[in-house]
C-alpha atoms as a PDB file:
ATOM      1  CA  MET A   1       0.000   0.000   0.000  1.00  0.00           C
ATOM      2  CA  THR A   2       1.432   3.357  -0.979  1.00  0.00           C
ATOM      3  CA  ALA A   3       0.745   7.023  -1.487  1.00  0.00           C
ATOM      4  CA  HIS A   4       3.240   6.941  -4.372  1.00  0.00           C
ATOM      5  CA  ALA A   5       0.917   6.292  -7.278  1.00  0.00           C
ATOM      6  CA  LEU A   6       2.600   7.774 -10.325  1.00  0.00           C
ATOM      7  CA  ALA A   7       3.002   5.199 -13.078  1.00  0.00           C
ATOM      8  CA  GLU A   8       6.791   5.517 -12.978  1.00  0.00           C
ATOM      9  CA  GLU A   9       6.782   4.988  -9.195  1.00  0.00           C
ATOM     10  CA  VAL A  10       4.684   1.819  -9.485  1.00  0.00           C
ATOM     11  CA  GLU A  11       6.942   0.565 -12.286  1.00  0.00           C
ATOM     12  CA  GLY A  12       9.906   1.111  -9.951  1.00  0.00           C
ATOM     13  CA  PHE A  13       8.165  -1.026  -7.311  1.00  0.00           C
ATOM     14  CA  ARG A  14       7.607  -3.786  -9.873  1.00  0.00           C
ATOM     15  CA  ALA A  15      11.217  -3.576 -11.068  1.00  0.00           C
ATOM     16  CA  ALA A  16      12.261  -4.058  -7.438  1.00  0.00           C
ATOM     17  CA  GLY A  17      10.218  -7.277  -7.278  1.00  0.00           C
ATOM     18  CA  MET A  18       6.794  -6.236  -6.018  1.00  0.00           C
ATOM     19  CA  ALA A  19       3.903  -8.023  -7.714  1.00  0.00           C
ATOM     20  CA  GLY A  20       1.563  -5.062  -7.330  1.00  0.00           C
ATOM     21  CA  ALA A  21       0.661  -1.991  -5.360  1.00  0.00           C
ATOM     22  CA  VAL A  22      -2.534  -0.507  -4.005  1.00  0.00           C
ATOM     23  CA  SER A  23      -2.500   3.271  -3.985  1.00  0.00           C
ATOM     24  CA  LYS A  24      -4.047   5.456  -1.363  1.00  0.00           C
ATOM     25  CA  PRO A  25      -6.750   6.537  -0.980  1.00  0.00           C
ATOM     26  CA  ILE A  26      -7.902   2.990  -0.418  1.00  0.00           C
ATOM     27  CA  ASP A  27     -10.646   1.629  -2.606  1.00  0.00           C
ATOM     28  CA  ARG A  28     -12.301  -1.376  -0.932  1.00  0.00           C
ATOM     29  CA  THR A  29     -12.855  -3.213  -4.201  1.00  0.00           C
ATOM     30  CA  GLU A  30      -9.242  -2.747  -5.264  1.00  0.00           C
ATOM     31  CA  LEU A  31      -7.920  -3.777  -1.846  1.00  0.00           C
ATOM     32  CA  THR A  32     -10.119  -6.902  -1.870  1.00  0.00           C
ATOM     33  CA  ALA A  33      -8.910  -7.775  -5.363  1.00  0.00           C
ATOM     34  CA  ALA A  34      -5.257  -7.323  -4.337  1.00  0.00           C
ATOM     35  CA  LEU A  35      -5.699  -9.476  -1.233  1.00  0.00           C
ATOM     36  CA  SER A  36      -7.483 -12.148  -3.269  1.00  0.00           C
ATOM     37  CA  ALA A  37      -4.614 -12.197  -5.749  1.00  0.00           C
ATOM     38  CA  VAL A  38      -2.148 -12.736  -2.886  1.00  0.00           C
ATOM     39  CA  LEU A  39      -4.243 -15.433  -1.212  1.00  0.00           C
ATOM     40  CA  THR A  40      -4.902 -17.287  -4.463  1.00  0.00           C
ATOM     41  CA  PRO A  41      -1.813 -16.562  -6.576  1.00  0.00           C
ATOM     42  CA  ASP A  42      -3.019 -18.687  -9.507  1.00  0.00           C
ATOM     43  CA  THR A  43      -5.924 -16.310  -9.984  1.00  0.00           C
ATOM     44  CA  ARG A  44      -5.198 -12.857 -11.363  1.00  0.00           C
ATOM     45  CA  VAL A  45      -7.929 -10.557 -10.115  1.00  0.00           C
ATOM     46  CA  PRO A  46      -8.066  -7.379 -12.221  1.00  0.00           C
ATOM     47  CA  SER A  47      -7.538  -4.113 -10.381  1.00  0.00           C
ATOM     48  CA  THR A  48     -10.247  -1.476 -10.486  1.00  0.00           C
ATOM     49  CA  ARG A  49      -7.598   1.260 -10.616  1.00  0.00           C
ATOM     50  CA  SER A  50      -4.108   0.865 -11.973  1.00  0.00           C
ATOM     51  CA  ALA A  51      -1.319   3.384 -12.155  1.00  0.00           C
ATOM     52  CA  SER A  52      -0.197   1.797 -15.411  1.00  0.00           C
ATOM     53  CA  MET A  53      -3.625   2.498 -16.882  1.00  0.00           C
ATOM     54  CA  GLY A  54      -3.695   5.989 -15.358  1.00  0.00           C
ATOM     55  CA  PRO A  55      -6.567   7.547 -13.439  1.00  0.00           C
ATOM     56  CA  VAL A  56     -10.075   7.590 -14.841  1.00  0.00           C
ATOM     57  CA  PRO A  57     -10.573  11.112 -16.174  1.00  0.00           C
ATOM     58  CA  ALA A  58     -12.792  13.083 -13.773  1.00  0.00           C
ATOM     59  CA  ALA A  59     -15.177  13.922 -16.627  1.00  0.00           C
ATOM     60  CA  ARG A  60     -16.023  10.204 -17.001  1.00  0.00           C
ATOM     61  CA  ALA A  61     -16.113   9.270 -13.331  1.00  0.00           C
ATOM     62  CA  PRO A  62     -19.461   9.458 -11.521  1.00  0.00           C
ATOM     63  CA  LEU A  63     -19.792  12.408  -9.168  1.00  0.00           C
ATOM     64  CA  VAL A  64     -20.898  10.187  -6.288  1.00  0.00           C
ATOM     65  CA  ASP A  65     -20.517   6.426  -6.024  1.00  0.00           C
ATOM     66  CA  LYS A  66     -23.860   5.868  -4.328  1.00  0.00           C
ATOM     67  CA  ASP A  67     -23.149   2.200  -3.550  1.00  0.00           C
ATOM     68  CA  HIS A  68     -19.951   3.172  -1.740  1.00  0.00           C
ATOM     69  CA  LEU A  69     -21.703   5.997   0.080  1.00  0.00           C
ATOM     70  CA  ALA A  70     -24.491   3.626   1.133  1.00  0.00           C
ATOM     71  CA  SER A  71     -21.908   1.235   2.592  1.00  0.00           C
ATOM     72  CA  VAL A  72     -20.375   4.109   4.582  1.00  0.00           C
ATOM     73  CA  TRP A  73     -23.865   4.940   5.860  1.00  0.00           C
ATOM     74  CA  ARG A  74     -24.433   1.312   6.883  1.00  0.00           C
ATOM     75  CA  ASP A  75     -20.985   0.821   8.432  1.00  0.00           C
ATOM     76  CA  LEU A  76     -20.726   3.953  10.571  1.00  0.00           C
ATOM     77  CA  PRO A  77     -22.838   5.228  13.442  1.00  0.00           C
ATOM     78  CA  GLU A  78     -24.745   8.409  12.638  1.00  0.00           C
ATOM     79  CA  ALA A  79     -22.504  10.708  14.710  1.00  0.00           C
ATOM     80  CA  ALA A  80     -19.338   9.328  13.082  1.00  0.00           C
ATOM     81  CA  ARG A  81     -20.633   9.718   9.553  1.00  0.00           C
ATOM     82  CA  ASP A  82     -21.893  13.235  10.317  1.00  0.00           C
ATOM     83  CA  ARG A  83     -18.369  14.158  11.484  1.00  0.00           C
ATOM     84  CA  LEU A  84     -16.859  12.477   8.416  1.00  0.00           C
ATOM     85  CA  VAL A  85     -19.143  14.359   6.022  1.00  0.00           C
ATOM     86  CA  ALA A  86     -18.769  17.717   7.792  1.00  0.00           C
ATOM     87  CA  GLY A  87     -14.991  17.369   7.893  1.00  0.00           C
ATOM     88  CA  ALA A  88     -14.769  16.315   4.254  1.00  0.00           C
ATOM     89  CA  LEU A  89     -16.996  19.185   3.120  1.00  0.00           C
ATOM     90  CA  GLU A  90     -14.985  21.766   5.038  1.00  0.00           C
ATOM     91  CA  GLU A  91     -11.597  20.332   4.065  1.00  0.00           C
ATOM     92  CA  THR A  92     -12.462  19.971   0.382  1.00  0.00           C
ATOM     93  CA  SER A  93     -14.003  23.443   0.184  1.00  0.00           C
ATOM     94  CA  ARG A  94     -10.797  24.926   1.641  1.00  0.00           C
ATOM     95  CA  THR A  95      -8.642  22.887  -0.734  1.00  0.00           C
ATOM     96  CA  VAL A  96     -10.688  23.834  -3.808  1.00  0.00           C
ATOM     97  CA  THR A  97     -10.354  27.515  -2.853  1.00  0.00           C
ATOM     98  CA  ALA A  98      -6.566  27.108  -2.430  1.00  0.00           C
ATOM     99  CA  VAL A  99      -6.184  25.269  -5.744  1.00  0.00           C
ATOM    100  CA  ALA A 100      -8.263  27.887  -7.579  1.00  0.00           C
ATOM    101  CA  ALA A 101      -5.953  30.589  -6.192  1.00  0.00           C
ATOM    102  CA  ALA A 102      -2.722  28.652  -6.896  1.00  0.00           C
ATOM    103  CA  PRO A 103      -0.136  30.536  -8.952  1.00  0.00           C
ATOM    104  CA  ASP A 104       0.327  29.725 -12.610  1.00  0.00           C
ATOM    105  CA  ARG A 105       4.056  29.083 -12.267  1.00  0.00           C
ATOM    106  CA  PRO A 106       6.090  25.986 -11.396  1.00  0.00           C
ATOM    107  CA  THR A 107       6.200  26.485  -7.627  1.00  0.00           C
ATOM    108  CA  GLU A 108       3.444  25.162  -5.440  1.00  0.00           C
ATOM    109  CA  PRO A 109       2.230  27.157  -2.442  1.00  0.00           C
ATOM    110  CA  GLU A 110       3.483  25.667   0.837  1.00  0.00           C
ATOM    111  CA  GLY A 111       1.495  22.590   1.818  1.00  0.00           C
ATOM    112  CA  LEU A 112      -0.874  22.633  -1.157  1.00  0.00           C
ATOM    113  CA  ARG A 113       0.012  19.124  -2.325  1.00  0.00           C
ATOM    114  CA  GLU A 114      -0.529  17.731   1.194  1.00  0.00           C
ATOM    115  CA  ASP A 115      -3.910  19.496   1.423  1.00  0.00           C
ATOM    116  CA  ILE A 116      -4.893  18.084  -1.967  1.00  0.00           C
ATOM    117  CA  HIS A 117      -3.777  14.602  -0.900  1.00  0.00           C
ATOM    118  CA  ARG A 118      -5.851  14.758   2.308  1.00  0.00           C
ATOM    119  CA  SER A 119      -8.908  16.055   0.460  1.00  0.00           C
ATOM    120  CA  ALA A 120      -8.592  13.308  -2.152  1.00  0.00           C
ATOM    121  CA  GLY A 121      -8.595  10.768   0.697  1.00  0.00           C
ATOM    122  CA  SER A 122     -11.686  12.321   2.257  1.00  0.00           C
ATOM    123  CA  CYS A 123     -13.443  12.299  -1.108  1.00  0.00           C
ATOM    124  CA  ALA A 124     -12.503   8.640  -1.608  1.00  0.00           C
ATOM    125  CA  ALA A 125     -13.844   7.760   1.853  1.00  0.00           C
ATOM    126  CA  LEU A 126     -17.242   9.153   0.847  1.00  0.00           C
ATOM    127  CA  GLY A 127     -17.268   7.844  -2.717  1.00  0.00           C
ATOM    128  CA  LEU A 128     -16.935  11.295  -4.309  1.00  0.00           C
ATOM    129  CA  THR A 129     -15.321   9.668  -7.302  1.00  0.00           C
ATOM    130  CA  ALA A 130     -14.940  12.483  -9.827  1.00  0.00           C
ATOM    131  CA  MET A 131     -13.642  14.867  -7.188  1.00  0.00           C
ATOM    132  CA  ARG A 132     -11.135  12.317  -5.874  1.00  0.00           C
ATOM    133  CA  THR A 133      -9.945  11.648  -9.413  1.00  0.00           C
ATOM    134  CA  ALA A 134      -9.574  15.344 -10.208  1.00  0.00           C
ATOM    135  CA  LEU A 135      -7.653  15.987  -6.993  1.00  0.00           C
ATOM    136  CA  ALA A 136      -5.379  12.995  -7.648  1.00  0.00           C
ATOM    137  CA  GLU A 137      -4.670  14.304 -11.147  1.00  0.00           C
ATOM    138  CA  ILE A 138      -3.803  17.725  -9.729  1.00  0.00           C
ATOM    139  CA  GLU A 139      -1.578  16.127  -7.070  1.00  0.00           C
ATOM    140  CA  ASP A 140       0.226  14.059  -9.708  1.00  0.00           C
ATOM    141  CA  THR A 141       0.729  17.162 -11.851  1.00  0.00           C
ATOM    142  CA  LEU A 142       2.162  19.055  -8.869  1.00  0.00           C
ATOM    143  CA  LYS A 143       4.532  16.152  -8.179  1.00  0.00           C
ATOM    144  CA  ARG A 144       5.763  16.180 -11.749  1.00  0.00           C
ATOM    145  CA  ASN A 145       6.145  19.884 -12.490  1.00  0.00           C
ATOM    146  CA  GLY A 146       5.245  21.948  -9.414  1.00  0.00           C
ATOM    147  CA  SER A 147       2.254  23.804 -10.817  1.00  0.00           C
ATOM    148  CA  VAL A 148      -1.449  23.305 -11.438  1.00  0.00           C
ATOM    149  CA  PRO A 149      -2.450  23.813 -15.078  1.00  0.00           C
ATOM    150  CA  PRO A 150      -5.120  26.512 -15.523  1.00  0.00           C
ATOM    151  CA  SER A 151      -7.579  24.038 -17.069  1.00  0.00           C
ATOM    152  CA  LEU A 152      -7.532  21.824 -13.951  1.00  0.00           C
ATOM    153  CA  ARG A 153      -7.517  24.780 -11.581  1.00  0.00           C
ATOM    154  CA  GLU A 154     -10.489  26.450 -13.282  1.00  0.00           C
ATOM    155  CA  ALA A 155     -12.595  23.276 -13.569  1.00  0.00           C
ATOM    156  CA  LEU A 156     -12.303  22.269  -9.904  1.00  0.00           C
ATOM    157  CA  PRO A 157     -14.774  24.748  -8.278  1.00  0.00           C
ATOM    158  CA  GLY A 158     -17.567  23.778 -10.689  1.00  0.00           C
ATOM    159  CA  LEU A 159     -16.896  20.070 -10.187  1.00  0.00           C
ATOM    160  CA  TRP A 160     -16.946  20.579  -6.416  1.00  0.00           C
ATOM    161  CA  ALA A 161     -20.254  22.496  -6.578  1.00  0.00           C
ATOM    162  CA  GLU A 162     -21.875  19.711  -8.619  1.00  0.00           C
ATOM    163  CA  THR A 163     -20.452  17.003  -6.364  1.00  0.00           C
ATOM    164  CA  ARG A 164     -21.555  18.743  -3.191  1.00  0.00           C
ATOM    165  CA  THR A 165     -25.067  19.248  -4.578  1.00  0.00           C
ATOM    166  CA  GLU A 166     -25.347  15.551  -5.490  1.00  0.00           C
ATOM    167  CA  LEU A 167     -23.996  14.487  -2.083  1.00  0.00           C
ATOM    168  CA  GLU A 168     -26.473  16.738  -0.254  1.00  0.00           C
ATOM    169  CA  ALA A 169     -29.355  15.413  -2.390  1.00  0.00           C
ATOM    170  CA  TRP A 170     -28.321  11.831  -1.597  1.00  0.00           C
ATOM    171  CA  ARG A 171     -28.118  12.633   2.133  1.00  0.00           C
ATOM    172  CA  ALA A 172     -31.582  14.198   2.069  1.00  0.00           C
ATOM    173  CA  GLU A 173     -32.996  10.959   0.645  1.00  0.00           C
ATOM    174  CA  ALA A 174     -30.996   8.606   2.919  1.00  0.00           C
END
């Protein structure tokens, strides 16, 4: 399990002898598939997310994985999930604001990549798939060249508004 999810990083792990890697934030289906592959080595269970395939573009990912969100609702007591949702909403709103204001030059503001990484994890925990994917893409871009391209920076607030609206609608029905 690793937070180092760039394709070249995963290839380095494989070159060093690792059979595979599961990148954070943890996806239950991917973790289950990886564990199954270890427990039954003759069976190759396909990964739902692979660094060699690259991330699913945010435009094609669902805003909210309602099955995942329903499992969070079932698995956590009400107070815990309320804290999780409130924290994720606050953290992601702050991060989106910081990314939107990020400079257009190859130097990231102090701590921005860490904030993006944490927000991506919070989004993954709630099944906010498109948002998690967009944040991961921004984090990877920062790792590679130290800046956030204008197209990603400008698209993030709208994606967050849509995601938040869909999450709130789902919560109202739950």
